[in-house]
Amino acid sequence: MREPGGVSRSAREILAYFLRNPAAADSLEGITRWRLLEAEIHRQIAETQKALEWLLKEGFLVEISAPHAGRLFRLNLEKQAQAELLLEKPGKKTPGRRAKD
Protein backbone atom coordinates (compact mmCIF):
# COMPACT_ATOMS: atom_id res chain seq x y z
CA MET A 1 0.00 0.00 0.00
CA ARG A 2 1.32 3.40 -1.00
CA GLU A 3 1.07 6.45 1.20
CA PRO A 4 1.05 10.05 0.01
CA GLY A 5 4.31 10.70 -1.78
CA GLY A 6 4.32 7.22 -3.34
CA VAL A 7 6.35 5.53 -0.59
CA SER A 8 4.91 2.42 1.05
CA ARG A 9 4.59 2.08 4.81
CA SER A 10 6.96 -0.90 4.67
CA ALA A 11 9.61 1.11 2.84
CA ARG A 12 9.28 3.92 5.40
CA GLU A 13 9.63 1.48 8.33
CA ILE A 14 12.71 -0.16 6.82
CA LEU A 15 14.31 3.18 5.98
CA ALA A 16 13.59 4.48 9.49
CA TYR A 17 15.32 1.39 10.94
CA PHE A 18 18.45 2.00 8.87
CA LEU A 19 18.44 5.70 9.76
CA ARG A 20 18.31 4.76 13.47
CA ASN A 21 21.06 2.15 12.90
CA PRO A 22 23.30 3.56 10.13
CA ALA A 23 25.97 0.88 10.62
CA ALA A 24 23.44 -1.98 10.28
CA ALA A 25 23.49 -4.45 7.40
CA ASP A 26 20.97 -7.27 7.05
CA SER A 27 19.58 -9.76 4.56
CA LEU A 28 16.04 -9.92 3.22
CA GLU A 29 15.31 -12.73 5.68
CA GLY A 30 16.88 -10.83 8.58
CA ILE A 31 14.90 -7.67 7.86
CA THR A 32 11.72 -9.69 7.50
CA ARG A 33 12.46 -11.43 10.81
CA TRP A 34 12.81 -8.22 12.83
CA ARG A 35 9.77 -6.67 11.12
CA LEU A 36 7.69 -9.75 11.98
CA LEU A 37 9.02 -9.69 15.54
CA GLU A 38 8.04 -6.04 15.96
CA ALA A 39 4.57 -6.77 14.54
CA GLU A 40 4.12 -9.75 16.88
CA ILE A 41 5.22 -7.71 19.90
CA HIS A 42 2.74 -4.97 18.97
CA ARG A 43 -0.06 -7.56 18.61
CA GLN A 44 0.84 -9.21 21.93
CA ILE A 45 0.84 -5.86 23.74
CA ALA A 46 -2.64 -5.07 22.40
CA GLU A 47 -3.97 -8.52 23.38
CA THR A 48 -2.36 -8.34 26.82
CA GLN A 49 -3.79 -4.87 27.45
CA LYS A 50 -7.28 -6.09 26.51
CA ALA A 51 -6.94 -9.13 28.80
CA LEU A 52 -5.64 -7.01 31.70
CA GLU A 53 -8.54 -4.58 31.32
CA TRP A 54 -11.00 -7.51 31.50
CA LEU A 55 -9.26 -9.04 34.53
CA LEU A 56 -9.31 -5.66 36.30
CA LYS A 57 -12.97 -5.08 35.44
CA GLU A 58 -13.91 -8.54 36.74
CA GLY A 59 -11.86 -7.95 39.89
CA PHE A 60 -9.44 -10.87 39.43
CA LEU A 61 -6.49 -8.48 39.37
CA VAL A 62 -5.87 -5.20 41.14
CA GLU A 63 -3.69 -2.38 39.94
CA ILE A 64 -1.07 -1.14 42.35
CA SER A 65 1.17 1.86 42.10
CA ALA A 66 4.85 1.96 42.79
CA PRO A 67 7.14 4.95 42.29
CA HIS A 68 8.87 4.90 38.90
CA ALA A 69 7.41 1.50 37.97
CA GLY A 70 4.40 2.42 35.86
CA ARG A 71 1.27 0.29 36.12
CA LEU A 72 1.67 -2.92 38.11
CA PHE A 73 -0.88 -5.71 38.48
CA ARG A 74 -1.33 -8.45 41.03
CA LEU A 75 -3.85 -11.10 41.96
CA ASN A 76 -6.83 -9.93 44.00
CA LEU A 77 -6.53 -12.42 46.86
CA GLU A 78 -10.21 -11.91 47.70
CA LYS A 79 -11.07 -13.44 44.32
CA GLN A 80 -8.43 -16.18 44.28
CA ALA A 81 -10.94 -19.02 44.70
CA GLN A 82 -13.13 -17.60 41.92
CA ALA A 83 -10.08 -17.24 39.68
CA GLU A 84 -9.16 -20.88 40.24
CA LEU A 85 -12.73 -21.92 39.38
CA LEU A 86 -12.65 -19.80 36.22
CA LEU A 87 -9.60 -21.66 34.97
CA GLU A 88 -11.28 -25.01 35.64
CA LYS A 89 -14.36 -24.14 33.53
CA PRO A 90 -13.52 -24.73 29.85
CA GLY A 91 -16.70 -23.03 28.58
CA LYS A 92 -16.22 -19.70 30.37
CA LYS A 93 -15.57 -16.99 27.81
CA THR A 94 -12.57 -14.73 28.35
CA PRO A 95 -10.88 -12.27 25.97
CA GLY A 96 -8.76 -14.00 23.37
CA ARG A 97 -10.25 -17.44 24.03
CA ARG A 98 -13.12 -19.13 22.26
CA ALA A 99 -15.38 -21.71 23.81
CA LYS A 100 -15.04 -25.07 22.10
CA ASP A 101 -17.97 -26.04 19.88
PDB file of N, CA and C in Angstrom:
ATOM      1  N   MET A   1       0.844  -1.174   0.000  1.00  0.00           N
ATOM      2  CA  MET A   1       0.000   0.000   0.000  1.00  0.00           C
ATOM      3  C   MET A   1       0.894   1.243   0.000  1.00  0.00           C
ATOM      4  N   ARG A   2       0.554   2.164  -0.889  1.00  0.00           N
ATOM      5  CA  ARG A   2       1.322   3.404  -1.003  1.00  0.00           C
ATOM      6  C   ARG A   2       0.679   4.508  -0.171  1.00  0.00           C
ATOM      7  N   GLU A   3       1.527   5.282   0.450  1.00  0.00           N
ATOM      8  CA  GLU A   3       1.068   6.450   1.200  1.00  0.00           C
ATOM      9  C   GLU A   3       1.274   7.675   0.326  1.00  0.00           C
ATOM     10  N   PRO A   4       0.780   8.828   0.772  1.00  0.00           N
ATOM     11  CA  PRO A   4       1.050  10.052   0.013  1.00  0.00           C
ATOM     12  C   PRO A   4       2.549  10.204  -0.231  1.00  0.00           C
ATOM     13  N   GLY A   5       2.899  10.587  -1.421  1.00  0.00           N
ATOM     14  CA  GLY A   5       4.307  10.703  -1.779  1.00  0.00           C
ATOM     15  C   GLY A   5       4.809   9.455  -2.480  1.00  0.00           C
ATOM     16  N   GLY A   6       3.973   8.425  -2.600  1.00  0.00           N
ATOM     17  CA  GLY A   6       4.318   7.225  -3.343  1.00  0.00           C
ATOM     18  C   GLY A   6       5.220   6.240  -2.627  1.00  0.00           C
ATOM     19  N   VAL A   7       5.481   6.435  -1.336  1.00  0.00           N
ATOM     20  CA  VAL A   7       6.353   5.532  -0.587  1.00  0.00           C
ATOM     21  C   VAL A   7       5.492   4.650   0.311  1.00  0.00           C
ATOM     22  N   SER A   8       5.706   3.342   0.236  1.00  0.00           N
ATOM     23  CA  SER A   8       4.906   2.420   1.045  1.00  0.00           C
ATOM     24  C   SER A   8       5.278   2.519   2.523  1.00  0.00           C
ATOM     25  N   ARG A   9       4.347   2.103   3.365  1.00  0.00           N
ATOM     26  CA  ARG A   9       4.592   2.080   4.815  1.00  0.00           C
ATOM     27  C   ARG A   9       5.775   1.171   5.126  1.00  0.00           C
ATOM     28  N   SER A  10       5.846   0.034   4.442  1.00  0.00           N
ATOM     29  CA  SER A  10       6.957  -0.899   4.667  1.00  0.00           C
ATOM     30  C   SER A  10       8.294  -0.247   4.349  1.00  0.00           C
ATOM     31  N   ALA A  11       8.359   0.448   3.216  1.00  0.00           N
ATOM     32  CA  ALA A  11       9.609   1.114   2.835  1.00  0.00           C
ATOM     33  C   ALA A  11       9.989   2.171   3.867  1.00  0.00           C
ATOM     34  N   ARG A  12       9.009   2.907   4.371  1.00  0.00           N
ATOM     35  CA  ARG A  12       9.281   3.922   5.396  1.00  0.00           C
ATOM     36  C   ARG A  12       9.809   3.282   6.684  1.00  0.00           C
ATOM     37  N   GLU A  13       9.188   2.169   7.108  1.00  0.00           N
ATOM     38  CA  GLU A  13       9.629   1.480   8.327  1.00  0.00           C
ATOM     39  C   GLU A  13      11.062   0.976   8.185  1.00  0.00           C
ATOM     40  N   ILE A  14      11.360   0.380   7.046  1.00  0.00           N
ATOM     41  CA  ILE A  14      12.709  -0.161   6.822  1.00  0.00           C
ATOM     42  C   ILE A  14      13.730   0.974   6.775  1.00  0.00           C
ATOM     43  N   LEU A  15      13.405   2.037   6.056  1.00  0.00           N
ATOM     44  CA  LEU A  15      14.315   3.179   5.976  1.00  0.00           C
ATOM     45  C   LEU A  15      14.527   3.797   7.354  1.00  0.00           C
ATOM     46  N   ALA A  16      13.464   3.918   8.140  1.00  0.00           N
ATOM     47  CA  ALA A  16      13.588   4.475   9.493  1.00  0.00           C
ATOM     48  C   ALA A  16      14.517   3.618  10.343  1.00  0.00           C
ATOM     49  N   TYR A  17      14.427   2.295  10.192  1.00  0.00           N
ATOM     50  CA  TYR A  17      15.317   1.394  10.938  1.00  0.00           C
ATOM     51  C   TYR A  17      16.778   1.682  10.580  1.00  0.00           C
ATOM     52  N   PHE A  18      17.072   1.774   9.285  1.00  0.00           N
ATOM     53  CA  PHE A  18      18.455   2.001   8.873  1.00  0.00           C
ATOM     54  C   PHE A  18      18.937   3.406   9.236  1.00  0.00           C
ATOM     55  N   LEU A  19      18.046   4.366   9.300  1.00  0.00           N
ATOM     56  CA  LEU A  19      18.442   5.700   9.765  1.00  0.00           C
ATOM     57  C   LEU A  19      18.771   5.681  11.255  1.00  0.00           C
ATOM     58  N   ARG A  20      18.021   4.879  12.033  1.00  0.00           N
ATOM     59  CA  ARG A  20      18.312   4.757  13.474  1.00  0.00           C
ATOM     60  C   ARG A  20      19.582   3.940  13.713  1.00  0.00           C
ATOM     61  N   ASN A  21      19.908   3.063  12.769  1.00  0.00           N
ATOM     62  CA  ASN A  21      21.055   2.153  12.897  1.00  0.00           C
ATOM     63  C   ASN A  21      21.901   2.234  11.628  1.00  0.00           C
ATOM     64  N   PRO A  22      22.591   3.363  11.403  1.00  0.00           N
ATOM     65  CA  PRO A  22      23.298   3.562  10.131  1.00  0.00           C
ATOM     66  C   PRO A  22      24.409   2.559   9.851  1.00  0.00           C
ATOM     67  N   ALA A  23      24.913   1.878  10.853  1.00  0.00           N
ATOM     68  CA  ALA A  23      25.966   0.884  10.624  1.00  0.00           C
ATOM     69  C   ALA A  23      25.389  -0.507  10.381  1.00  0.00           C
ATOM     70  N   ALA A  24      24.069  -0.658  10.431  1.00  0.00           N
ATOM     71  CA  ALA A  24      23.437  -1.975  10.284  1.00  0.00           C
ATOM     72  C   ALA A  24      23.505  -2.460   8.844  1.00  0.00           C
ATOM     73  N   ALA A  25      23.588  -3.772   8.697  1.00  0.00           N
ATOM     74  CA  ALA A  25      23.486  -4.446   7.401  1.00  0.00           C
ATOM     75  C   ALA A  25      22.737  -5.743   7.659  1.00  0.00           C
ATOM     76  N   ASP A  26      21.762  -6.062   6.816  1.00  0.00           N
ATOM     77  CA  ASP A  26      20.967  -7.266   7.055  1.00  0.00           C
ATOM     78  C   ASP A  26      20.466  -7.816   5.736  1.00  0.00           C
ATOM     79  N   SER A  27      20.117  -9.085   5.742  1.00  0.00           N
ATOM     80  CA  SER A  27      19.583  -9.761   4.562  1.00  0.00           C
ATOM     81  C   SER A  27      18.070  -9.558   4.484  1.00  0.00           C
ATOM     82  N   LEU A  28      17.495  -9.952   3.373  1.00  0.00           N
ATOM     83  CA  LEU A  28      16.041  -9.920   3.222  1.00  0.00           C
ATOM     84  C   LEU A  28      15.375 -10.692   4.348  1.00  0.00           C
ATOM     85  N   GLU A  29      15.890 -11.896   4.623  1.00  0.00           N
ATOM     86  CA  GLU A  29      15.314 -12.728   5.682  1.00  0.00           C
ATOM     87  C   GLU A  29      15.479 -12.080   7.054  1.00  0.00           C
ATOM     88  N   GLY A  30      16.633 -11.487   7.297  1.00  0.00           N
ATOM     89  CA  GLY A  30      16.881 -10.829   8.579  1.00  0.00           C
ATOM     90  C   GLY A  30      15.961  -9.638   8.795  1.00  0.00           C
ATOM     91  N   ILE A  31      15.798  -8.823   7.757  1.00  0.00           N
ATOM     92  CA  ILE A  31      14.904  -7.667   7.856  1.00  0.00           C
ATOM     93  C   ILE A  31      13.472  -8.131   8.071  1.00  0.00           C
ATOM     94  N   THR A  32      13.069  -9.143   7.334  1.00  0.00           N
ATOM     95  CA  THR A  32      11.718  -9.690   7.502  1.00  0.00           C
ATOM     96  C   THR A  32      11.525 -10.201   8.915  1.00  0.00           C
ATOM     97  N   ARG A  33      12.544 -10.873   9.455  1.00  0.00           N
ATOM     98  CA  ARG A  33      12.462 -11.434  10.807  1.00  0.00           C
ATOM     99  C   ARG A  33      12.224 -10.340  11.846  1.00  0.00           C
ATOM    100  N   TRP A  34      13.013  -9.254  11.815  1.00  0.00           N
ATOM    101  CA  TRP A  34      12.808  -8.220  12.832  1.00  0.00           C
ATOM    102  C   TRP A  34      11.514  -7.468  12.610  1.00  0.00           C
ATOM    103  N   ARG A  35      11.073  -7.326  11.358  1.00  0.00           N
ATOM    104  CA  ARG A  35       9.775  -6.673  11.117  1.00  0.00           C
ATOM    105  C   ARG A  35       8.639  -7.529  11.654  1.00  0.00           C
ATOM    106  N   LEU A  36       8.715  -8.853  11.446  1.00  0.00           N
ATOM    107  CA  LEU A  36       7.689  -9.751  11.984  1.00  0.00           C
ATOM    108  C   LEU A  36       7.703  -9.737  13.503  1.00  0.00           C
ATOM    109  N   LEU A  37       8.897  -9.721  14.090  1.00  0.00           N
ATOM    110  CA  LEU A  37       9.019  -9.691  15.545  1.00  0.00           C
ATOM    111  C   LEU A  37       8.377  -8.428  16.111  1.00  0.00           C
ATOM    112  N   GLU A  38       8.651  -7.286  15.500  1.00  0.00           N
ATOM    113  CA  GLU A  38       8.038  -6.036  15.959  1.00  0.00           C
ATOM    114  C   GLU A  38       6.519  -6.094  15.835  1.00  0.00           C
ATOM    115  N   ALA A  39       6.018  -6.654  14.731  1.00  0.00           N
ATOM    116  CA  ALA A  39       4.568  -6.765  14.539  1.00  0.00           C
ATOM    117  C   ALA A  39       3.954  -7.690  15.585  1.00  0.00           C
ATOM    118  N   GLU A  40       4.623  -8.806  15.880  1.00  0.00           N
ATOM    119  CA  GLU A  40       4.117  -9.750  16.881  1.00  0.00           C
ATOM    120  C   GLU A  40       4.119  -9.114  18.268  1.00  0.00           C
ATOM    121  N   ILE A  41       5.162  -8.387  18.595  1.00  0.00           N
ATOM    122  CA  ILE A  41       5.221  -7.712  19.895  1.00  0.00           C
ATOM    123  C   ILE A  41       4.071  -6.713  20.004  1.00  0.00           C
ATOM    124  N   HIS A  42       3.832  -5.944  18.954  1.00  0.00           N
ATOM    125  CA  HIS A  42       2.735  -4.972  18.969  1.00  0.00           C
ATOM    126  C   HIS A  42       1.397  -5.681  19.171  1.00  0.00           C
ATOM    127  N   ARG A  43       1.189  -6.800  18.477  1.00  0.00           N
ATOM    128  CA  ARG A  43      -0.058  -7.559  18.610  1.00  0.00           C
ATOM    129  C   ARG A  43      -0.205  -8.109  20.023  1.00  0.00           C
ATOM    130  N   GLN A  44       0.882  -8.647  20.577  1.00  0.00           N
ATOM    131  CA  GLN A  44       0.840  -9.209  21.928  1.00  0.00           C
ATOM    132  C   GLN A  44       0.550  -8.133  22.976  1.00  0.00           C
ATOM    133  N   ILE A  45       1.108  -6.952  22.802  1.00  0.00           N
ATOM    134  CA  ILE A  45       0.840  -5.855  23.737  1.00  0.00           C
ATOM    135  C   ILE A  45      -0.641  -5.507  23.706  1.00  0.00           C
ATOM    136  N   ALA A  46      -1.217  -5.409  22.514  1.00  0.00           N
ATOM    137  CA  ALA A  46      -2.639  -5.071  22.397  1.00  0.00           C
ATOM    138  C   ALA A  46      -3.508  -6.145  23.042  1.00  0.00           C
ATOM    139  N   GLU A  47      -3.198  -7.425  22.792  1.00  0.00           N
ATOM    140  CA  GLU A  47      -3.971  -8.518  23.384  1.00  0.00           C
ATOM    141  C   GLU A  47      -3.823  -8.548  24.905  1.00  0.00           C
ATOM    142  N   THR A  48      -2.609  -8.331  25.381  1.00  0.00           N
ATOM    143  CA  THR A  48      -2.360  -8.340  26.824  1.00  0.00           C
ATOM    144  C   THR A  48      -3.091  -7.189  27.500  1.00  0.00           C
ATOM    145  N   GLN A  49      -3.079  -6.012  26.880  1.00  0.00           N
ATOM    146  CA  GLN A  49      -3.788  -4.865  27.447  1.00  0.00           C
ATOM    147  C   GLN A  49      -5.280  -5.158  27.548  1.00  0.00           C
ATOM    148  N   LYS A  50      -5.852  -5.745  26.505  1.00  0.00           N
ATOM    149  CA  LYS A  50      -7.277  -6.087  26.513  1.00  0.00           C
ATOM    150  C   LYS A  50      -7.580  -7.096  27.622  1.00  0.00           C
ATOM    151  N   ALA A  51      -6.737  -8.115  27.763  1.00  0.00           N
ATOM    152  CA  ALA A  51      -6.942  -9.131  28.803  1.00  0.00           C
ATOM    153  C   ALA A  51      -6.815  -8.521  30.197  1.00  0.00           C
ATOM    154  N   LEU A  52      -5.817  -7.656  30.394  1.00  0.00           N
ATOM    155  CA  LEU A  52      -5.644  -7.007  31.699  1.00  0.00           C
ATOM    156  C   LEU A  52      -6.847  -6.138  32.052  1.00  0.00           C
ATOM    157  N   GLU A  53      -7.366  -5.408  31.069  1.00  0.00           N
ATOM    158  CA  GLU A  53      -8.545  -4.579  31.318  1.00  0.00           C
ATOM    159  C   GLU A  53      -9.717  -5.448  31.768  1.00  0.00           C
ATOM    160  N   TRP A  54      -9.914  -6.602  31.131  1.00  0.00           N
ATOM    161  CA  TRP A  54     -11.000  -7.512  31.500  1.00  0.00           C
ATOM    162  C   TRP A  54     -10.780  -8.054  32.911  1.00  0.00           C
ATOM    163  N   LEU A  55      -9.560  -8.488  33.205  1.00  0.00           N
ATOM    164  CA  LEU A  55      -9.256  -9.038  34.529  1.00  0.00           C
ATOM    165  C   LEU A  55      -9.440  -7.989  35.628  1.00  0.00           C
ATOM    166  N   LEU A  56      -9.085  -6.746  35.341  1.00  0.00           N
ATOM    167  CA  LEU A  56      -9.309  -5.663  36.304  1.00  0.00           C
ATOM    168  C   LEU A  56     -10.803  -5.409  36.492  1.00  0.00           C
ATOM    169  N   LYS A  57     -11.534  -5.345  35.383  1.00  0.00           N
ATOM    170  CA  LYS A  57     -12.973  -5.078  35.445  1.00  0.00           C
ATOM    171  C   LYS A  57     -13.701  -6.164  36.232  1.00  0.00           C
ATOM    172  N   GLU A  58     -13.282  -7.418  36.048  1.00  0.00           N
ATOM    173  CA  GLU A  58     -13.910  -8.542  36.742  1.00  0.00           C
ATOM    174  C   GLU A  58     -13.416  -8.681  38.183  1.00  0.00           C
ATOM    175  N   GLY A  59     -12.362  -7.935  38.519  1.00  0.00           N
ATOM    176  CA  GLY A  59     -11.857  -7.948  39.886  1.00  0.00           C
ATOM    177  C   GLY A  59     -10.864  -9.056  40.195  1.00  0.00           C
ATOM    178  N   PHE A  60     -10.412  -9.796  39.187  1.00  0.00           N
ATOM    179  CA  PHE A  60      -9.441 -10.866  39.429  1.00  0.00           C
ATOM    180  C   PHE A  60      -8.048 -10.312  39.709  1.00  0.00           C
ATOM    181  N   LEU A  61      -7.758  -9.157  39.120  1.00  0.00           N
ATOM    182  CA  LEU A  61      -6.486  -8.480  39.365  1.00  0.00           C
ATOM    183  C   LEU A  61      -6.774  -7.110  39.951  1.00  0.00           C
ATOM    184  N   VAL A  62      -5.804  -6.583  40.665  1.00  0.00           N
ATOM    185  CA  VAL A  62      -5.868  -5.204  41.138  1.00  0.00           C
ATOM    186  C   VAL A  62      -4.631  -4.480  40.622  1.00  0.00           C
ATOM    187  N   GLU A  63      -4.813  -3.199  40.397  1.00  0.00           N
ATOM    188  CA  GLU A  63      -3.694  -2.379  39.943  1.00  0.00           C
ATOM    189  C   GLU A  63      -3.080  -1.714  41.159  1.00  0.00           C
ATOM    190  N   ILE A  64      -1.766  -1.779  41.238  1.00  0.00           N
ATOM    191  CA  ILE A  64      -1.065  -1.137  42.345  1.00  0.00           C
ATOM    192  C   ILE A  64      -0.104  -0.110  41.769  1.00  0.00           C
ATOM    193  N   SER A  65       0.229   0.853  42.572  1.00  0.00           N
ATOM    194  CA  SER A  65       1.167   1.864  42.096  1.00  0.00           C
ATOM    195  C   SER A  65       2.454   1.768  42.889  1.00  0.00           C
ATOM    196  N   ALA A  66       3.519   1.951  42.177  1.00  0.00           N
ATOM    197  CA  ALA A  66       4.846   1.965  42.785  1.00  0.00           C
ATOM    198  C   ALA A  66       5.627   3.090  42.114  1.00  0.00           C
ATOM    199  N   PRO A  67       6.380   3.845  42.880  1.00  0.00           N
ATOM    200  CA  PRO A  67       7.137   4.946  42.290  1.00  0.00           C
ATOM    201  C   PRO A  67       8.048   4.460  41.159  1.00  0.00           C
ATOM    202  N   HIS A  68       7.983   5.149  40.037  1.00  0.00           N
ATOM    203  CA  HIS A  68       8.872   4.901  38.896  1.00  0.00           C
ATOM    204  C   HIS A  68       8.692   3.521  38.266  1.00  0.00           C
ATOM    205  N   ALA A  69       7.584   2.841  38.524  1.00  0.00           N
ATOM    206  CA  ALA A  69       7.408   1.501  37.966  1.00  0.00           C
ATOM    207  C   ALA A  69       6.281   1.428  36.945  1.00  0.00           C
ATOM    208  N   GLY A  70       5.530   2.484  36.770  1.00  0.00           N
ATOM    209  CA  GLY A  70       4.395   2.418  35.858  1.00  0.00           C
ATOM    210  C   GLY A  70       3.272   1.600  36.475  1.00  0.00           C
ATOM    211  N   ARG A  71       2.406   1.086  35.642  1.00  0.00           N
ATOM    212  CA  ARG A  71       1.274   0.294  36.125  1.00  0.00           C
ATOM    213  C   ARG A  71       1.744  -1.110  36.478  1.00  0.00           C
ATOM    214  N   LEU A  72       1.371  -1.559  37.672  1.00  0.00           N
ATOM    215  CA  LEU A  72       1.670  -2.921  38.113  1.00  0.00           C
ATOM    216  C   LEU A  72       0.360  -3.613  38.440  1.00  0.00           C
ATOM    217  N   PHE A  73       0.323  -4.926  38.241  1.00  0.00           N
ATOM    218  CA  PHE A  73      -0.881  -5.706  38.477  1.00  0.00           C
ATOM    219  C   PHE A  73      -0.541  -6.885  39.369  1.00  0.00           C
ATOM    220  N   ARG A  74      -1.517  -7.267  40.201  1.00  0.00           N
ATOM    221  CA  ARG A  74      -1.327  -8.453  41.029  1.00  0.00           C
ATOM    222  C   ARG A  74      -2.680  -9.105  41.236  1.00  0.00           C
ATOM    223  N   LEU A  75      -2.635 -10.345  41.695  1.00  0.00           N
ATOM    224  CA  LEU A  75      -3.847 -11.104  41.958  1.00  0.00           C
ATOM    225  C   LEU A  75      -4.632 -10.456  43.088  1.00  0.00           C
ATOM    226  N   ASN A  76      -5.941 -10.366  42.925  1.00  0.00           N
ATOM    227  CA  ASN A  76      -6.826  -9.930  43.999  1.00  0.00           C
ATOM    228  C   ASN A  76      -7.079 -11.161  44.858  1.00  0.00           C
ATOM    229  N   LEU A  77      -6.445 -11.233  46.007  1.00  0.00           N
ATOM    230  CA  LEU A  77      -6.532 -12.420  46.858  1.00  0.00           C
ATOM    231  C   LEU A  77      -7.961 -12.716  47.298  1.00  0.00           C
ATOM    232  N   GLU A  78      -8.811 -11.694  47.336  1.00  0.00           N
ATOM    233  CA  GLU A  78     -10.209 -11.912  47.702  1.00  0.00           C
ATOM    234  C   GLU A  78     -10.963 -12.698  46.631  1.00  0.00           C
ATOM    235  N   LYS A  79     -10.429 -12.717  45.416  1.00  0.00           N
ATOM    236  CA  LYS A  79     -11.074 -13.441  44.321  1.00  0.00           C
ATOM    237  C   LYS A  79     -10.259 -14.654  43.877  1.00  0.00           C
ATOM    238  N   GLN A  80      -9.299 -15.074  44.667  1.00  0.00           N
ATOM    239  CA  GLN A  80      -8.427 -16.180  44.281  1.00  0.00           C
ATOM    240  C   GLN A  80      -9.218 -17.456  44.010  1.00  0.00           C
ATOM    241  N   ALA A  81     -10.151 -17.794  44.889  1.00  0.00           N
ATOM    242  CA  ALA A  81     -10.940 -19.020  44.700  1.00  0.00           C
ATOM    243  C   ALA A  81     -11.758 -18.939  43.418  1.00  0.00           C
ATOM    244  N   GLN A  82     -12.361 -17.775  43.145  1.00  0.00           N
ATOM    245  CA  GLN A  82     -13.132 -17.601  41.917  1.00  0.00           C
ATOM    246  C   GLN A  82     -12.228 -17.700  40.689  1.00  0.00           C
ATOM    247  N   ALA A  83     -11.026 -17.171  40.793  1.00  0.00           N
ATOM    248  CA  ALA A  83     -10.079 -17.241  39.681  1.00  0.00           C
ATOM    249  C   ALA A  83      -9.711 -18.689  39.383  1.00  0.00           C
ATOM    250  N   GLU A  84      -9.488 -19.463  40.429  1.00  0.00           N
ATOM    251  CA  GLU A  84      -9.164 -20.879  40.237  1.00  0.00           C
ATOM    252  C   GLU A  84     -10.324 -21.611  39.585  1.00  0.00           C
ATOM    253  N   LEU A  85     -11.554 -21.307  39.992  1.00  0.00           N
ATOM    254  CA  LEU A  85     -12.730 -21.922  39.375  1.00  0.00           C
ATOM    255  C   LEU A  85     -12.857 -21.530  37.908  1.00  0.00           C
ATOM    256  N   LEU A  86     -12.575 -20.279  37.603  1.00  0.00           N
ATOM    257  CA  LEU A  86     -12.647 -19.804  36.224  1.00  0.00           C
ATOM    258  C   LEU A  86     -11.741 -20.621  35.318  1.00  0.00           C
ATOM    259  N   LEU A  87     -10.544 -20.914  35.792  1.00  0.00           N
ATOM    260  CA  LEU A  87      -9.599 -21.664  34.970  1.00  0.00           C
ATOM    261  C   LEU A  87      -9.989 -23.124  34.830  1.00  0.00           C
ATOM    262  N   GLU A  88     -10.817 -23.629  35.729  1.00  0.00           N
ATOM    263  CA  GLU A  88     -11.281 -25.010  35.637  1.00  0.00           C
ATOM    264  C   GLU A  88     -12.443 -25.163  34.672  1.00  0.00           C
ATOM    265  N   LYS A  89     -13.177 -24.083  34.393  1.00  0.00           N
ATOM    266  CA  LYS A  89     -14.359 -24.143  33.534  1.00  0.00           C
ATOM    267  C   LYS A  89     -13.958 -23.886  32.083  1.00  0.00           C
ATOM    268  N   PRO A  90     -13.953 -24.924  31.228  1.00  0.00           N
ATOM    269  CA  PRO A  90     -13.518 -24.733  29.845  1.00  0.00           C
ATOM    270  C   PRO A  90     -14.469 -23.886  29.004  1.00  0.00           C
ATOM    271  N   GLY A  91     -15.740 -23.773  29.379  1.00  0.00           N
ATOM    272  CA  GLY A  91     -16.699 -23.032  28.579  1.00  0.00           C
ATOM    273  C   GLY A  91     -16.781 -21.559  28.897  1.00  0.00           C
ATOM    274  N   LYS A  92     -16.154 -21.115  29.968  1.00  0.00           N
ATOM    275  CA  LYS A  92     -16.220 -19.703  30.373  1.00  0.00           C
ATOM    276  C   LYS A  92     -15.491 -18.854  29.347  1.00  0.00           C
ATOM    277  N   LYS A  93     -16.145 -17.813  28.851  1.00  0.00           N
ATOM    278  CA  LYS A  93     -15.569 -16.987  27.807  1.00  0.00           C
ATOM    279  C   LYS A  93     -14.706 -15.887  28.413  1.00  0.00           C
ATOM    280  N   THR A  94     -13.478 -15.794  27.940  1.00  0.00           N
ATOM    281  CA  THR A  94     -12.566 -14.731  28.347  1.00  0.00           C
ATOM    282  C   THR A  94     -11.974 -14.117  27.092  1.00  0.00           C
ATOM    283  N   PRO A  95     -11.454 -12.903  27.159  1.00  0.00           N
ATOM    284  CA  PRO A  95     -10.875 -12.267  25.975  1.00  0.00           C
ATOM    285  C   PRO A  95      -9.767 -13.119  25.371  1.00  0.00           C
ATOM    286  N   GLY A  96      -9.806 -13.255  24.059  1.00  0.00           N
ATOM    287  CA  GLY A  96      -8.761 -13.997  23.369  1.00  0.00           C
ATOM    288  C   GLY A  96      -8.960 -15.497  23.351  1.00  0.00           C
ATOM    289  N   ARG A  97      -9.996 -15.997  24.015  1.00  0.00           N
ATOM    290  CA  ARG A  97     -10.252 -17.438  24.027  1.00  0.00           C
ATOM    291  C   ARG A  97     -11.652 -17.682  23.506  1.00  0.00           C
ATOM    292  N   ARG A  98     -11.813 -18.759  22.767  1.00  0.00           N
ATOM    293  CA  ARG A  98     -13.124 -19.132  22.260  1.00  0.00           C
ATOM    294  C   ARG A  98     -13.563 -20.410  22.932  1.00  0.00           C
ATOM    295  N   ALA A  99     -14.838 -20.473  23.251  1.00  0.00           N
ATOM    296  CA  ALA A  99     -15.378 -21.712  23.809  1.00  0.00           C
ATOM    297  C   ALA A  99     -15.369 -22.768  22.717  1.00  0.00           C
ATOM    298  N   LYS A 100     -15.069 -23.986  23.082  1.00  0.00           N
ATOM    299  CA  LYS A 100     -15.044 -25.069  22.104  1.00  0.00           C
ATOM    300  C   LYS A 100     -16.463 -25.422  21.701  1.00  0.00           C
ATOM    301  N   ASP A 101     -16.636 -25.675  20.393  1.00  0.00           N
ATOM    302  CA  ASP A 101     -17.969 -26.040  19.885  1.00  0.00           C
ATOM    303  C   ASP A 101     -18.292 -27.474  20.187  1.00  0.00           C
TER     304      ASP A 101
END
